[in-house]
């Protein structure tokens, strides 16, 4: 397939490593659960007769992939949806089980680079941050959330130690004027959080926390991992690339729990233990090499984990963690 230059220049983070651990085969069916610029899908489609179901909640990403659909001879299907719904998406395509699922977690380079999307403070733009471009925006949260909720959002999802000071400054500033641009918020945070030379921008963690919260990203990841467990065939591969500790911890804990064997306890005898549904393939996370980091600084924080599905039934999905949700925060809870 010949690619237009602007799309072919996009090289996904850990692209070679993802393909090696996914190990796509001829005639296999694969889910690219976070389609983005289509880098992983493009690589999988190089395998003869391999089929890809690409999912993205961002309609801009889906529209950008239509050219690849046209060249795929019917082997690529794109669906605008959340990747937590990947099992339902597969069923709607008449697919009950797949040979592999790949996920690239978090915001895409295209979203970060688009000032109008409001994900980054590098270029001034509206304080939006919505991956799906609908629902509550980051500006809405900044305007409505209580000081306590803002502090919790920034601390839990942004891991910002100065979250209380940031929340206090936001509440004071919004009494004077609405905070509706990325530059306004970044400048406000920079006056509260002092950064040493060489540190990340002082607003980085606040922006991360708001983005993750607005898009429900961590709940989405929990649900997507459980959905992948349900649709993967025995021997099917799950490959996940994450970019910060919150995501990587969820993936690590999910795979660790699903791969655990035996052991038992006086509270849960060994006979009652659930059989492992995954075999972990990467004992330690795979990281980018020096050459890739030099070419793409975003790869510096990337971690890849992979596992193979066993023949055991999927485990019962656990409860989602108790942390702030959009519904509770926007109604003043």
C-alpha atoms as a PDB file:
ATOM      1  CA  UNK A   1       0.000   0.000   0.000  1.00  0.00           C
ATOM      2  CA  UNK A   2       1.377   3.417  -0.946  1.00  0.00           C
ATOM      3  CA  UNK A   3       0.878   6.028   1.759  1.00  0.00           C
ATOM      4  CA  UNK A   4       0.478   9.791   1.437  1.00  0.00           C
ATOM      5  CA  UNK A   5       3.625  11.493   2.708  1.00  0.00           C
ATOM      6  CA  UNK A   6       1.984  13.274   5.637  1.00  0.00           C
ATOM      7  CA  UNK A   7       0.631  10.032   7.085  1.00  0.00           C
ATOM      8  CA  UNK A   8       3.615   7.818   6.328  1.00  0.00           C
ATOM      9  CA  UNK A   9       5.962  10.152   8.212  1.00  0.00           C
ATOM     10  CA  UNK A  10       4.233   9.264  11.475  1.00  0.00           C
ATOM     11  CA  UNK A  11       6.215   6.575  13.267  1.00  0.00           C
ATOM     12  CA  UNK A  12       4.487   5.198  16.381  1.00  0.00           C
ATOM     13  CA  UNK A  13       6.403   4.989  19.641  1.00  0.00           C
ATOM     14  CA  UNK A  14       8.038   1.555  20.082  1.00  0.00           C
ATOM     15  CA  UNK A  15       6.609   0.558  16.707  1.00  0.00           C
ATOM     16  CA  UNK A  16       9.096  -2.250  16.013  1.00  0.00           C
ATOM     17  CA  UNK A  17       8.772  -3.597  19.541  1.00  0.00           C
ATOM     18  CA  UNK A  18       4.976  -3.534  19.405  1.00  0.00           C
ATOM     19  CA  UNK A  19       4.978  -5.532  16.188  1.00  0.00           C
ATOM     20  CA  UNK A  20       7.480  -8.038  17.587  1.00  0.00           C
ATOM     21  CA  UNK A  21       5.421  -8.724  20.726  1.00  0.00           C
ATOM     22  CA  UNK A  22       2.060  -8.652  18.916  1.00  0.00           C
ATOM     23  CA  UNK A  23       3.468 -11.163  16.391  1.00  0.00           C
ATOM     24  CA  UNK A  24       0.697 -10.722  13.793  1.00  0.00           C
ATOM     25  CA  UNK A  25       0.172 -13.683  11.478  1.00  0.00           C
ATOM     26  CA  UNK A  26      -1.390 -14.190   8.081  1.00  0.00           C
ATOM     27  CA  UNK A  27      -5.164 -14.161   8.217  1.00  0.00           C
ATOM     28  CA  UNK A  28      -5.244 -12.963  11.847  1.00  0.00           C
ATOM     29  CA  UNK A  29      -7.722 -10.430  13.231  1.00  0.00           C
ATOM     30  CA  UNK A  30      -6.331  -7.597  15.357  1.00  0.00           C
ATOM     31  CA  UNK A  31      -7.721  -4.649  17.285  1.00  0.00           C
ATOM     32  CA  UNK A  32      -5.847  -1.354  17.200  1.00  0.00           C
ATOM     33  CA  UNK A  33      -7.726   0.009  20.185  1.00  0.00           C
ATOM     34  CA  UNK A  34      -6.235   3.515  19.980  1.00  0.00           C
ATOM     35  CA  UNK A  35      -5.922   4.124  16.233  1.00  0.00           C
ATOM     36  CA  UNK A  36      -4.491   7.659  16.369  1.00  0.00           C
ATOM     37  CA  UNK A  37      -2.407   8.230  13.235  1.00  0.00           C
ATOM     38  CA  UNK A  38      -2.696   4.557  12.301  1.00  0.00           C
ATOM     39  CA  UNK A  39       0.942   3.565  12.730  1.00  0.00           C
ATOM     40  CA  UNK A  40       0.295   0.195  14.347  1.00  0.00           C
ATOM     41  CA  UNK A  41      -2.570  -0.599  11.965  1.00  0.00           C
ATOM     42  CA  UNK A  42      -0.389   0.233   8.983  1.00  0.00           C
ATOM     43  CA  UNK A  43       2.304  -2.176  10.193  1.00  0.00           C
ATOM     44  CA  UNK A  44      -0.172  -4.998  10.866  1.00  0.00           C
ATOM     45  CA  UNK A  45      -1.712  -4.581   7.415  1.00  0.00           C
ATOM     46  CA  UNK A  46       1.659  -5.407   5.863  1.00  0.00           C
ATOM     47  CA  UNK A  47       0.977  -9.006   6.949  1.00  0.00           C
ATOM     48  CA  UNK A  48      -0.885 -10.831   4.151  1.00  0.00           C
ATOM     49  CA  UNK A  49      -4.641 -11.164   4.768  1.00  0.00           C
ATOM     50  CA  UNK A  50      -4.398  -9.731   8.298  1.00  0.00           C
ATOM     51  CA  UNK A  51      -7.498  -7.774   9.288  1.00  0.00           C
ATOM     52  CA  UNK A  52      -7.577  -4.760  11.640  1.00  0.00           C
ATOM     53  CA  UNK A  53     -10.424  -3.194  13.560  1.00  0.00           C
ATOM     54  CA  UNK A  54      -9.274   0.314  14.485  1.00  0.00           C
ATOM     55  CA  UNK A  55     -10.986   2.233  17.280  1.00  0.00           C
ATOM     56  CA  UNK A  56     -10.639   5.877  18.298  1.00  0.00           C
ATOM     57  CA  UNK A  57     -12.955   8.208  20.168  1.00  0.00           C
ATOM     58  CA  UNK A  58     -11.491  11.162  18.258  1.00  0.00           C
ATOM     59  CA  UNK A  59     -13.387  11.620  14.994  1.00  0.00           C
ATOM     60  CA  UNK A  60     -10.457  13.595  13.584  1.00  0.00           C
ATOM     61  CA  UNK A  61      -8.273  10.497  13.894  1.00  0.00           C
ATOM     62  CA  UNK A  62     -10.940   8.347  12.255  1.00  0.00           C
ATOM     63  CA  UNK A  63     -11.323  10.783   9.361  1.00  0.00           C
ATOM     64  CA  UNK A  64      -7.550  10.879   8.954  1.00  0.00           C
ATOM     65  CA  UNK A  65      -7.521   7.105   8.511  1.00  0.00           C
ATOM     66  CA  UNK A  66      -9.985   6.935   5.615  1.00  0.00           C
ATOM     67  CA  UNK A  67      -7.162   6.952   3.080  1.00  0.00           C
ATOM     68  CA  UNK A  68      -5.683   3.869   4.738  1.00  0.00           C
ATOM     69  CA  UNK A  69      -9.098   2.192   4.679  1.00  0.00           C
ATOM     70  CA  UNK A  70      -9.317   2.841   0.937  1.00  0.00           C
ATOM     71  CA  UNK A  71      -5.978   1.122   0.371  1.00  0.00           C
ATOM     72  CA  UNK A  72      -6.601  -1.824   2.680  1.00  0.00           C
ATOM     73  CA  UNK A  73      -8.735  -3.924   0.310  1.00  0.00           C
ATOM     74  CA  UNK A  74     -11.417  -4.238   2.951  1.00  0.00           C
ATOM     75  CA  UNK A  75      -9.005  -5.394   5.674  1.00  0.00           C
ATOM     76  CA  UNK A  76      -9.255  -2.251   7.845  1.00  0.00           C
ATOM     77  CA  UNK A  77     -12.434  -1.152   9.581  1.00  0.00           C
ATOM     78  CA  UNK A  78     -12.464   2.099  11.563  1.00  0.00           C
ATOM     79  CA  UNK A  79     -14.952   2.749  14.349  1.00  0.00           C
ATOM     80  CA  UNK A  80     -15.443   5.970  16.296  1.00  0.00           C
ATOM     81  CA  UNK A  81     -15.890   4.759  19.857  1.00  0.00           C
ATOM     82  CA  UNK A  82     -14.186   4.464  23.236  1.00  0.00           C
ATOM     83  CA  UNK A  83     -11.682   1.657  23.484  1.00  0.00           C
ATOM     84  CA  UNK A  84     -13.393   0.430  26.642  1.00  0.00           C
ATOM     85  CA  UNK A  85     -16.141  -0.755  24.258  1.00  0.00           C
ATOM     86  CA  UNK A  86     -13.800  -2.843  22.121  1.00  0.00           C
ATOM     87  CA  UNK A  87     -15.682  -6.093  22.808  1.00  0.00           C
ATOM     88  CA  UNK A  88     -18.945  -4.553  21.624  1.00  0.00           C
ATOM     89  CA  UNK A  89     -17.200  -2.998  18.615  1.00  0.00           C
ATOM     90  CA  UNK A  90     -15.830  -6.403  17.609  1.00  0.00           C
ATOM     91  CA  UNK A  91     -19.233  -8.049  18.034  1.00  0.00           C
ATOM     92  CA  UNK A  92     -20.816  -5.393  15.825  1.00  0.00           C
ATOM     93  CA  UNK A  93     -18.287  -6.338  13.131  1.00  0.00           C
ATOM     94  CA  UNK A  94     -19.223 -10.005  13.449  1.00  0.00           C
ATOM     95  CA  UNK A  95     -16.009 -10.862  15.292  1.00  0.00           C
ATOM     96  CA  UNK A  96     -16.281 -12.911  18.491  1.00  0.00           C
ATOM     97  CA  UNK A  97     -12.568 -13.481  19.137  1.00  0.00           C
ATOM     98  CA  UNK A  98      -9.359 -11.822  17.946  1.00  0.00           C
ATOM     99  CA  UNK A  99      -5.694 -12.739  17.659  1.00  0.00           C
ATOM    100  CA  UNK A 100      -4.291  -9.578  19.188  1.00  0.00           C
ATOM    101  CA  UNK A 101      -5.068  -6.235  20.807  1.00  0.00           C
ATOM    102  CA  UNK A 102      -2.693  -3.272  20.879  1.00  0.00           C
ATOM    103  CA  UNK A 103      -3.244  -0.110  22.948  1.00  0.00           C
ATOM    104  CA  UNK A 104      -1.244   3.136  22.985  1.00  0.00           C
ATOM    105  CA  UNK A 105      -2.536   4.882  26.091  1.00  0.00           C
ATOM    106  CA  UNK A 106      -2.969   8.610  26.572  1.00  0.00           C
ATOM    107  CA  UNK A 107      -3.038  11.665  24.365  1.00  0.00           C
ATOM    108  CA  UNK A 108      -1.711  11.407  20.815  1.00  0.00           C
ATOM    109  CA  UNK A 109       0.951  13.579  19.205  1.00  0.00           C
ATOM    110  CA  UNK A 110      -1.693  14.923  16.808  1.00  0.00           C
ATOM    111  CA  UNK A 111      -3.847  16.046  19.724  1.00  0.00           C
ATOM    112  CA  UNK A 112      -0.911  17.627  21.541  1.00  0.00           C
ATOM    113  CA  UNK A 113       0.219  19.475  18.425  1.00  0.00           C
ATOM    114  CA  UNK A 114      -3.222  20.915  17.654  1.00  0.00           C
ATOM    115  CA  UNK A 115      -3.512  24.180  19.605  1.00  0.00           C
ATOM    116  CA  UNK A 116      -7.270  24.286  19.041  1.00  0.00           C
ATOM    117  CA  UNK A 117      -7.684  21.022  20.977  1.00  0.00           C
ATOM    118  CA  UNK A 118      -6.349  22.606  24.166  1.00  0.00           C
ATOM    119  CA  UNK A 119      -4.254  19.660  25.379  1.00  0.00           C
ATOM    120  CA  UNK A 120      -0.942  21.493  25.601  1.00  0.00           C
ATOM    121  CA  UNK A 121       0.342  24.799  26.947  1.00  0.00           C
ATOM    122  CA  UNK A 122       3.076  24.968  24.285  1.00  0.00           C
ATOM    123  CA  UNK A 123       0.676  26.864  22.009  1.00  0.00           C
ATOM    124  CA  UNK A 124      -2.126  29.027  23.318  1.00  0.00           C
ATOM    125  CA  UNK A 125      -5.597  27.684  22.623  1.00  0.00           C
ATOM    126  CA  UNK A 126      -8.998  27.077  24.185  1.00  0.00           C
ATOM    127  CA  UNK A 127      -8.884  25.066  27.411  1.00  0.00           C
ATOM    128  CA  UNK A 128     -10.674  22.042  25.943  1.00  0.00           C
ATOM    129  CA  UNK A 129      -8.816  18.688  26.288  1.00  0.00           C
ATOM    130  CA  UNK A 130     -11.751  16.523  25.138  1.00  0.00           C
ATOM    131  CA  UNK A 131     -10.594  13.526  23.116  1.00  0.00           C
ATOM    132  CA  UNK A 132     -14.083  12.915  21.777  1.00  0.00           C
ATOM    133  CA  UNK A 133     -14.818  16.638  21.298  1.00  0.00           C
ATOM    134  CA  UNK A 134     -18.096  16.370  23.184  1.00  0.00           C
ATOM    135  CA  UNK A 135     -19.257  16.653  26.775  1.00  0.00           C
ATOM    136  CA  UNK A 136     -17.580  18.584  29.596  1.00  0.00           C
ATOM    137  CA  UNK A 137     -14.358  20.464  28.750  1.00  0.00           C
ATOM    138  CA  UNK A 138     -11.398  21.289  30.971  1.00  0.00           C
ATOM    139  CA  UNK A 139     -12.603  24.914  31.065  1.00  0.00           C
ATOM    140  CA  UNK A 140     -15.954  23.696  32.400  1.00  0.00           C
ATOM    141  CA  UNK A 141     -14.208  21.766  35.177  1.00  0.00           C
ATOM    142  CA  UNK A 142     -12.007  24.742  36.063  1.00  0.00           C
ATOM    143  CA  UNK A 143     -15.105  26.960  36.229  1.00  0.00           C
ATOM    144  CA  UNK A 144     -17.369  24.607  38.187  1.00  0.00           C
ATOM    145  CA  UNK A 145     -15.361  22.270  40.437  1.00  0.00           C
ATOM    146  CA  UNK A 146     -14.919  23.110  44.092  1.00  0.00           C
ATOM    147  CA  UNK A 147     -11.482  23.895  45.465  1.00  0.00           C
ATOM    148  CA  UNK A 148     -11.377  20.498  47.210  1.00  0.00           C
ATOM    149  CA  UNK A 149     -12.338  18.646  44.033  1.00  0.00           C
ATOM    150  CA  UNK A 150      -9.808  20.561  41.954  1.00  0.00           C
ATOM    151  CA  UNK A 151      -7.082  19.701  44.459  1.00  0.00           C
ATOM    152  CA  UNK A 152      -8.060  16.015  44.364  1.00  0.00           C
ATOM    153  CA  UNK A 153      -8.163  15.916  40.552  1.00  0.00           C
ATOM    154  CA  UNK A 154      -4.753  17.534  40.210  1.00  0.00           C
ATOM    155  CA  UNK A 155      -3.215  15.398  42.965  1.00  0.00           C
ATOM    156  CA  UNK A 156      -4.703  12.002  42.022  1.00  0.00           C
ATOM    157  CA  UNK A 157      -4.505  12.221  38.239  1.00  0.00           C
ATOM    158  CA  UNK A 158      -1.622  14.661  37.875  1.00  0.00           C
ATOM    159  CA  UNK A 159       0.464  13.529  40.847  1.00  0.00           C
ATOM    160  CA  UNK A 160       1.103  17.197  41.598  1.00  0.00           C
ATOM    161  CA  UNK A 161       2.426  17.710  45.157  1.00  0.00           C
ATOM    162  CA  UNK A 162       1.313  21.338  45.154  1.00  0.00           C
ATOM    163  CA  UNK A 163      -2.262  20.536  44.141  1.00  0.00           C
ATOM    164  CA  UNK A 164      -3.870  22.416  47.038  1.00  0.00           C
ATOM    165  CA  UNK A 165      -1.983  25.596  46.234  1.00  0.00           C
ATOM    166  CA  UNK A 166      -2.856  25.269  42.546  1.00  0.00           C
ATOM    167  CA  UNK A 167      -6.542  24.700  43.322  1.00  0.00           C
ATOM    168  CA  UNK A 168      -6.592  27.659  45.691  1.00  0.00           C
ATOM    169  CA  UNK A 169      -5.042  29.906  43.018  1.00  0.00           C
ATOM    170  CA  UNK A 170      -7.545  28.718  40.385  1.00  0.00           C
ATOM    171  CA  UNK A 171     -10.531  29.464  42.606  1.00  0.00           C
ATOM    172  CA  UNK A 172      -9.182  32.929  43.440  1.00  0.00           C
ATOM    173  CA  UNK A 173      -8.429  33.742  39.792  1.00  0.00           C
ATOM    174  CA  UNK A 174     -11.776  32.578  38.408  1.00  0.00           C
ATOM    175  CA  UNK A 175     -13.568  35.036  40.708  1.00  0.00           C
ATOM    176  CA  UNK A 176     -11.878  37.806  38.736  1.00  0.00           C
ATOM    177  CA  UNK A 177     -12.280  36.359  35.232  1.00  0.00           C
ATOM    178  CA  UNK A 178     -13.042  32.976  33.591  1.00  0.00           C
ATOM    179  CA  UNK A 179     -10.010  30.789  32.856  1.00  0.00           C
ATOM    180  CA  UNK A 180     -10.634  29.662  29.306  1.00  0.00           C
ATOM    181  CA  UNK A 181      -7.245  29.372  27.589  1.00  0.00           C
ATOM    182  CA  UNK A 182      -4.277  27.039  27.981  1.00  0.00           C
ATOM    183  CA  UNK A 183      -1.897  29.972  28.332  1.00  0.00           C
ATOM    184  CA  UNK A 184      -3.946  31.546  31.124  1.00  0.00           C
ATOM    185  CA  UNK A 185      -3.987  28.321  33.126  1.00  0.00           C
ATOM    186  CA  UNK A 186      -0.308  27.562  32.500  1.00  0.00           C
ATOM    187  CA  UNK A 187       0.745  31.049  33.583  1.00  0.00           C
ATOM    188  CA  UNK A 188      -1.414  30.795  36.695  1.00  0.00           C
ATOM    189  CA  UNK A 189       0.115  27.459  37.713  1.00  0.00           C
ATOM    190  CA  UNK A 190       3.644  28.708  36.983  1.00  0.00           C
ATOM    191  CA  UNK A 191       3.136  31.455  39.569  1.00  0.00           C
ATOM    192  CA  UNK A 192       2.338  28.829  42.206  1.00  0.00           C
ATOM    193  CA  UNK A 193       4.575  25.882  41.317  1.00  0.00           C
ATOM    194  CA  UNK A 194       8.249  26.820  41.147  1.00  0.00           C
ATOM    195  CA  UNK A 195      10.393  24.738  38.805  1.00  0.00           C
ATOM    196  CA  UNK A 196      14.155  24.343  38.955  1.00  0.00           C
ATOM    197  CA  UNK A 197      16.223  24.704  35.775  1.00  0.00           C
ATOM    198  CA  UNK A 198      15.927  21.503  33.752  1.00  0.00           C
ATOM    199  CA  UNK A 199      12.629  20.454  35.362  1.00  0.00           C
ATOM    200  CA  UNK A 200       9.427  19.887  33.401  1.00  0.00           C
ATOM    201  CA  UNK A 201       7.173  22.903  32.928  1.00  0.00           C
ATOM    202  CA  UNK A 202       5.436  23.653  36.245  1.00  0.00           C
ATOM    203  CA  UNK A 203       1.991  23.249  34.645  1.00  0.00           C
ATOM    204  CA  UNK A 204       2.711  19.789  33.193  1.00  0.00           C
ATOM    205  CA  UNK A 205       1.172  17.778  36.037  1.00  0.00           C
ATOM    206  CA  UNK A 206      -1.863  20.041  36.361  1.00  0.00           C
ATOM    207  CA  UNK A 207      -2.597  19.698  32.635  1.00  0.00           C
ATOM    208  CA  UNK A 208      -2.104  15.928  32.852  1.00  0.00           C
ATOM    209  CA  UNK A 209      -4.498  15.651  35.776  1.00  0.00           C
ATOM    210  CA  UNK A 210      -7.217  17.692  34.074  1.00  0.00           C
ATOM    211  CA  UNK A 211      -6.863  15.803  30.788  1.00  0.00           C
ATOM    212  CA  UNK A 212      -7.062  12.390  32.415  1.00  0.00           C
ATOM    213  CA  UNK A 213     -10.041  13.478  34.496  1.00  0.00           C
ATOM    214  CA  UNK A 214     -11.992  15.111  31.647  1.00  0.00           C
ATOM    215  CA  UNK A 215     -11.632  11.997  29.487  1.00  0.00           C
ATOM    216  CA  UNK A 216     -12.029   9.401  32.251  1.00  0.00           C
ATOM    217  CA  UNK A 217      -8.822   7.854  30.948  1.00  0.00           C
ATOM    218  CA  UNK A 218      -7.960   5.601  33.863  1.00  0.00           C
ATOM    219  CA  UNK A 219     -11.457   4.126  34.123  1.00  0.00           C
ATOM    220  CA  UNK A 220     -11.350   3.630  30.348  1.00  0.00           C
ATOM    221  CA  UNK A 221      -8.072   1.732  30.684  1.00  0.00           C
ATOM    222  CA  UNK A 222      -9.413  -0.549  33.424  1.00  0.00           C
ATOM    223  CA  UNK A 223     -12.460  -1.369  31.293  1.00  0.00           C
ATOM    224  CA  UNK A 224     -10.465  -1.785  28.071  1.00  0.00           C
ATOM    225  CA  UNK A 225      -8.056  -4.291  29.627  1.00  0.00           C
ATOM    226  CA  UNK A 226     -10.976  -6.379  30.879  1.00  0.00           C
ATOM    227  CA  UNK A 227     -12.625  -6.158  27.446  1.00  0.00           C
ATOM    228  CA  UNK A 228      -9.434  -7.327  25.737  1.00  0.00           C
ATOM    229  CA  UNK A 229      -9.330 -10.296  28.097  1.00  0.00           C
ATOM    230  CA  UNK A 230     -12.830 -11.272  26.946  1.00  0.00           C
ATOM    231  CA  UNK A 231     -12.192 -11.067  23.188  1.00  0.00           C
ATOM    232  CA  UNK A 232      -8.687 -12.526  22.863  1.00  0.00           C
ATOM    233  CA  UNK A 233      -8.351 -16.097  21.617  1.00  0.00           C
ATOM    234  CA  UNK A 234      -6.146 -18.544  23.540  1.00  0.00           C
ATOM    235  CA  UNK A 235      -2.629 -17.574  22.534  1.00  0.00           C
ATOM    236  CA  UNK A 236      -3.758 -14.111  21.444  1.00  0.00           C
ATOM    237  CA  UNK A 237      -1.467 -11.238  22.387  1.00  0.00           C
ATOM    238  CA  UNK A 238      -2.193  -8.091  24.387  1.00  0.00           C
ATOM    239  CA  UNK A 239       0.375  -5.301  23.923  1.00  0.00           C
ATOM    240  CA  UNK A 240       0.036  -2.019  25.833  1.00  0.00           C
ATOM    241  CA  UNK A 241       2.219   1.074  25.565  1.00  0.00           C
ATOM    242  CA  UNK A 242       1.810   3.620  28.369  1.00  0.00           C
ATOM    243  CA  UNK A 243       3.454   6.969  29.022  1.00  0.00           C
ATOM    244  CA  UNK A 244       3.235   7.656  32.730  1.00  0.00           C
ATOM    245  CA  UNK A 245       3.276   5.817  36.018  1.00  0.00           C
ATOM    246  CA  UNK A 246      -0.491   5.879  36.646  1.00  0.00           C
ATOM    247  CA  UNK A 247      -1.235   4.019  33.406  1.00  0.00           C
ATOM    248  CA  UNK A 248       1.701   1.644  33.676  1.00  0.00           C
ATOM    249  CA  UNK A 249       0.745   0.719  37.237  1.00  0.00           C
ATOM    250  CA  UNK A 250      -2.780  -0.206  36.120  1.00  0.00           C
ATOM    251  CA  UNK A 251      -1.453  -2.387  33.296  1.00  0.00           C
ATOM    252  CA  UNK A 252       1.175  -4.013  35.517  1.00  0.00           C
ATOM    253  CA  UNK A 253      -1.332  -4.774  38.279  1.00  0.00           C
ATOM    254  CA  UNK A 254      -3.953  -6.084  35.832  1.00  0.00           C
ATOM    255  CA  UNK A 255      -1.538  -8.496  34.170  1.00  0.00           C
ATOM    256  CA  UNK A 256       0.001  -9.492  37.484  1.00  0.00           C
ATOM    257  CA  UNK A 257      -3.388 -10.393  38.916  1.00  0.00           C
ATOM    258  CA  UNK A 258      -4.502 -12.223  35.786  1.00  0.00           C
ATOM    259  CA  UNK A 259      -1.267 -14.222  35.614  1.00  0.00           C
ATOM    260  CA  UNK A 260      -1.168 -15.187  39.271  1.00  0.00           C
ATOM    261  CA  UNK A 261      -1.250 -18.924  39.995  1.00  0.00           C
ATOM    262  CA  UNK A 262      -2.011 -21.031  43.060  1.00  0.00           C
ATOM    263  CA  UNK A 263      -0.781 -20.006  46.460  1.00  0.00           C
ATOM    264  CA  UNK A 264      -4.129 -20.051  48.216  1.00  0.00           C
ATOM    265  CA  UNK A 265      -4.682 -18.807  51.753  1.00  0.00           C
ATOM    266  CA  UNK A 266      -6.780 -19.697  54.781  1.00  0.00           C
ATOM    267  CA  UNK A 267      -9.375 -17.271  53.408  1.00  0.00           C
ATOM    268  CA  UNK A 268      -9.259 -18.570  49.806  1.00  0.00           C
ATOM    269  CA  UNK A 269      -8.102 -22.189  49.472  1.00  0.00           C
ATOM    270  CA  UNK A 270      -5.958 -23.024  46.458  1.00  0.00           C
ATOM    271  CA  UNK A 271      -8.773 -25.084  44.942  1.00  0.00           C
ATOM    272  CA  UNK A 272     -10.870 -21.916  44.760  1.00  0.00           C
ATOM    273  CA  UNK A 273      -8.216 -19.883  42.983  1.00  0.00           C
ATOM    274  CA  UNK A 274      -9.169 -18.662  39.504  1.00  0.00           C
ATOM    275  CA  UNK A 275      -6.965 -20.066  36.751  1.00  0.00           C
ATOM    276  CA  UNK A 276      -4.611 -17.494  35.197  1.00  0.00           C
ATOM    277  CA  UNK A 277      -6.074 -15.893  32.072  1.00  0.00           C
ATOM    278  CA  UNK A 278      -2.777 -14.384  30.891  1.00  0.00           C
ATOM    279  CA  UNK A 279       0.860 -15.413  30.712  1.00  0.00           C
ATOM    280  CA  UNK A 280       3.120 -12.385  31.014  1.00  0.00           C
ATOM    281  CA  UNK A 281       5.642 -12.119  28.179  1.00  0.00           C
ATOM    282  CA  UNK A 282       7.586  -9.046  29.325  1.00  0.00           C
ATOM    283  CA  UNK A 283       8.948  -9.627  32.820  1.00  0.00           C
ATOM    284  CA  UNK A 284      10.108  -6.015  32.790  1.00  0.00           C
ATOM    285  CA  UNK A 285       8.647  -3.199  30.706  1.00  0.00           C
ATOM    286  CA  UNK A 286      10.229  -2.661  27.298  1.00  0.00           C
ATOM    287  CA  UNK A 287      11.532   0.892  26.832  1.00  0.00           C
ATOM    288  CA  UNK A 288      12.731   2.903  23.853  1.00  0.00           C
ATOM    289  CA  UNK A 289      16.360   2.849  22.801  1.00  0.00           C
ATOM    290  CA  UNK A 290      18.606   5.901  22.678  1.00  0.00           C
ATOM    291  CA  UNK A 291      18.123   6.398  18.937  1.00  0.00           C
ATOM    292  CA  UNK A 292      14.330   6.459  19.204  1.00  0.00           C
ATOM    293  CA  UNK A 293      14.390   8.843  22.172  1.00  0.00           C
ATOM    294  CA  UNK A 294      16.717  11.159  20.253  1.00  0.00           C
ATOM    295  CA  UNK A 295      14.354  11.141  17.272  1.00  0.00           C
ATOM    296  CA  UNK A 296      11.177  11.370  19.369  1.00  0.00           C
ATOM    297  CA  UNK A 297      11.567  12.731  22.935  1.00  0.00           C
ATOM    298  CA  UNK A 298       8.020  11.556  23.779  1.00  0.00           C
ATOM    299  CA  UNK A 299       9.344   7.975  23.626  1.00  0.00           C
ATOM    300  CA  UNK A 300      11.489   8.608  26.709  1.00  0.00           C
ATOM    301  CA  UNK A 301       8.644   7.802  29.098  1.00  0.00           C
ATOM    302  CA  UNK A 302       7.083   4.964  27.075  1.00  0.00           C
ATOM    303  CA  UNK A 303       6.780   1.504  28.616  1.00  0.00           C
ATOM    304  CA  UNK A 304       5.540  -1.573  26.778  1.00  0.00           C
ATOM    305  CA  UNK A 305       4.027  -4.599  28.492  1.00  0.00           C
ATOM    306  CA  UNK A 306       2.819  -7.713  26.687  1.00  0.00           C
ATOM    307  CA  UNK A 307       0.991 -10.888  27.638  1.00  0.00           C
ATOM    308  CA  UNK A 308      -0.534 -13.922  25.929  1.00  0.00           C
ATOM    309  CA  UNK A 309      -4.066 -15.122  26.609  1.00  0.00           C
ATOM    310  CA  UNK A 310      -4.418 -18.585  28.139  1.00  0.00           C
ATOM    311  CA  UNK A 311      -7.310 -21.000  27.664  1.00  0.00           C
ATOM    312  CA  UNK A 312      -8.801 -20.109  31.069  1.00  0.00           C
ATOM    313  CA  UNK A 313     -12.072 -18.171  31.218  1.00  0.00           C
ATOM    314  CA  UNK A 314     -11.899 -14.410  31.674  1.00  0.00           C
ATOM    315  CA  UNK A 315     -11.834 -13.313  35.297  1.00  0.00           C
ATOM    316  CA  UNK A 316     -14.693 -11.402  36.843  1.00  0.00           C
ATOM    317  CA  UNK A 317     -14.132  -7.696  36.334  1.00  0.00           C
ATOM    318  CA  UNK A 318     -13.444  -5.893  39.591  1.00  0.00           C
ATOM    319  CA  UNK A 319     -14.921  -2.625  40.765  1.00  0.00           C
ATOM    320  CA  UNK A 320     -13.449   0.597  39.430  1.00  0.00           C
ATOM    321  CA  UNK A 321     -11.368   2.598  41.917  1.00  0.00           C
ATOM    322  CA  UNK A 322     -13.139   5.238  43.978  1.00  0.00           C
ATOM    323  CA  UNK A 323     -11.856   8.592  42.764  1.00  0.00           C
ATOM    324  CA  UNK A 324     -13.460  11.833  41.505  1.00  0.00           C
ATOM    325  CA  UNK A 325     -15.769  11.437  38.523  1.00  0.00           C
ATOM    326  CA  UNK A 326     -17.124  14.024  36.116  1.00  0.00           C
ATOM    327  CA  UNK A 327     -20.699  13.384  37.199  1.00  0.00           C
ATOM    328  CA  UNK A 328     -20.008  13.957  40.896  1.00  0.00           C
ATOM    329  CA  UNK A 329     -17.709  16.937  40.438  1.00  0.00           C
ATOM    330  CA  UNK A 330     -19.946  18.812  37.997  1.00  0.00           C
ATOM    331  CA  UNK A 331     -22.978  18.433  40.217  1.00  0.00           C
ATOM    332  CA  UNK A 332     -20.995  19.756  43.166  1.00  0.00           C
ATOM    333  CA  UNK A 333     -20.377  16.383  44.849  1.00  0.00           C
END
